[in-house]
Amino acid sequence: MSEELQPRGRIEVSPVAVSSIVSEAVQRCYGVVGTVPKNFAAELADMLSTDRKRGVQIRVRNRKIIIDVYVVVEYGTRIASVAQSVKNVVRYQVEKALEMPVEAVNVHVQALRVSDFS
């Protein structure tokens, strides 16, 4: 007589926690200055405040995660390369941390920042 393993509960991870993982991953990507809100034009003044999670939106559909990241990229970097790097790093970090598949990582480049070299 073999015993069947019965689940003893479940684990839920809030979208805010996932946003934290995403934000930390994005900040490590070369060429990314920061994240910004989706409605970037309305909040240009506080573009790089300490609340980095505000530029991340998380949705879960059919037990898969969909991530939208709104970023500012450093002028002079290859935008396509930076965006692809963000996609790869975010997908890897979230799947590694949660052991849950990421369906999509959508990177929205909202602006370019020109550094003052004077």
Protein backbone atom coordinates (compact mmCIF):
# COMPACT_ATOMS: atom_id res chain seq x y z
CA MET A 1 0.00 0.00 0.00
CA SER A 2 1.72 3.15 -1.14
CA GLU A 3 0.91 6.53 0.27
CA GLU A 4 0.04 9.26 -2.15
CA LEU A 5 1.62 12.63 -1.47
CA GLN A 6 -1.04 15.20 -0.72
CA PRO A 7 -0.36 18.91 -1.15
CA ARG A 8 -0.23 20.64 2.22
CA GLY A 9 -0.82 24.13 0.98
CA ARG A 10 0.29 26.45 -1.72
CA ILE A 11 2.77 29.21 -2.24
CA GLU A 12 1.72 32.54 -3.68
CA VAL A 13 4.11 35.25 -4.79
CA SER A 14 2.65 38.74 -5.07
CA PRO A 15 3.16 40.83 -8.20
CA VAL A 16 5.03 43.35 -6.02
CA ALA A 17 7.58 40.68 -5.12
CA VAL A 18 7.99 39.74 -8.79
CA SER A 19 8.39 43.45 -9.62
CA SER A 20 11.23 43.64 -7.11
CA ILE A 21 13.03 40.76 -8.81
CA VAL A 22 12.52 42.39 -12.21
CA SER A 23 13.67 45.82 -11.00
CA GLU A 24 16.89 44.44 -9.54
CA ALA A 25 17.61 42.52 -12.75
CA VAL A 26 16.97 45.57 -14.96
CA GLN A 27 19.26 47.81 -12.89
CA ARG A 28 22.16 45.44 -13.60
CA CYS A 29 21.74 45.66 -17.39
CA TYR A 30 24.31 47.69 -19.29
CA GLY A 31 22.85 50.78 -20.91
CA VAL A 32 19.77 51.03 -18.70
CA VAL A 33 19.55 54.28 -16.74
CA GLY A 34 16.39 53.35 -14.86
CA THR A 35 12.76 52.42 -15.07
CA VAL A 36 9.90 54.88 -15.51
CA PRO A 37 6.12 54.69 -15.26
CA LYS A 38 4.09 53.59 -18.25
CA ASN A 39 2.61 57.08 -18.49
CA PHE A 40 6.09 58.53 -18.69
CA ALA A 41 5.12 61.87 -20.23
CA ALA A 42 3.01 62.76 -17.20
CA GLU A 43 5.77 61.98 -14.72
CA LEU A 44 8.93 63.20 -16.44
CA ALA A 45 9.98 65.34 -13.49
CA ASP A 46 10.59 62.43 -11.11
CA MET A 47 12.03 60.16 -13.80
CA LEU A 48 14.57 58.38 -11.62
CA SER A 49 13.14 58.34 -8.11
CA THR A 50 13.99 55.57 -5.66
CA ASP A 51 10.76 53.66 -6.46
CA ARG A 52 12.16 51.54 -9.28
CA LYS A 53 9.24 49.10 -9.32
CA ARG A 54 6.93 51.70 -10.80
CA GLY A 55 8.21 50.95 -14.32
CA VAL A 56 7.31 47.27 -14.10
CA GLN A 57 3.93 45.66 -14.77
CA ILE A 58 3.27 42.01 -13.99
CA ARG A 59 0.41 39.85 -15.28
CA VAL A 60 -0.16 36.13 -14.80
CA ARG A 61 -2.10 34.24 -17.45
CA ASN A 62 -2.50 30.45 -17.51
CA ARG A 63 0.19 30.06 -14.81
CA LYS A 64 2.70 31.98 -16.96
CA ILE A 65 4.11 35.41 -16.21
CA ILE A 66 3.97 38.35 -18.62
CA ILE A 67 6.25 41.25 -17.78
CA ASP A 68 6.24 44.79 -19.18
CA VAL A 69 9.27 46.93 -18.36
CA TYR A 70 9.45 50.67 -19.14
CA VAL A 71 13.05 51.88 -19.28
CA VAL A 72 15.26 54.85 -19.99
CA VAL A 73 18.36 53.94 -22.00
CA GLU A 74 21.69 55.74 -22.09
CA TYR A 75 22.17 57.69 -25.32
CA GLY A 76 24.88 56.14 -27.50
CA THR A 77 24.14 52.53 -26.60
CA ARG A 78 22.58 50.15 -29.08
CA ILE A 79 18.93 50.26 -28.10
CA ALA A 80 18.08 46.88 -29.61
CA SER A 81 21.00 45.24 -27.80
CA VAL A 82 20.08 46.82 -24.46
CA ALA A 83 16.43 45.77 -24.85
CA GLN A 84 17.41 42.20 -25.75
CA SER A 85 19.74 42.07 -22.76
CA VAL A 86 16.93 43.26 -20.47
CA LYS A 87 14.61 40.59 -21.87
CA ASN A 88 17.15 37.81 -21.35
CA VAL A 89 18.26 38.87 -17.86
CA VAL A 90 14.72 39.44 -16.59
CA ARG A 91 13.45 36.12 -17.94
CA TYR A 92 16.40 34.23 -16.44
CA GLN A 93 16.18 35.89 -13.00
CA VAL A 94 12.41 35.49 -12.64
CA GLU A 95 12.38 31.86 -13.81
CA LYS A 96 15.32 31.07 -11.55
CA ALA A 97 13.71 32.70 -8.49
CA LEU A 98 10.15 31.45 -8.96
CA GLU A 99 10.55 28.24 -10.97
CA MET A 100 7.61 29.45 -13.03
CA PRO A 101 7.70 30.05 -16.78
CA VAL A 102 7.84 33.56 -18.16
CA GLU A 103 5.66 33.81 -21.24
CA ALA A 104 6.91 37.22 -22.37
CA VAL A 105 9.14 40.11 -21.38
CA ASN A 106 8.15 43.27 -23.23
CA VAL A 107 10.69 46.10 -23.05
CA HIS A 108 9.37 49.60 -23.74
CA VAL A 109 12.10 52.19 -24.24
CA GLN A 110 10.46 55.39 -23.04
CA ALA A 111 13.38 57.80 -23.40
CA LEU A 112 17.10 58.25 -23.91
CA ARG A 113 19.31 60.01 -21.41
CA VAL A 114 22.23 62.04 -22.64
CA SER A 115 25.01 62.21 -20.07
CA ASP A 116 26.70 65.51 -19.45
CA PHE A 117 30.41 64.93 -20.04
CA SER A 118 31.57 68.49 -19.34
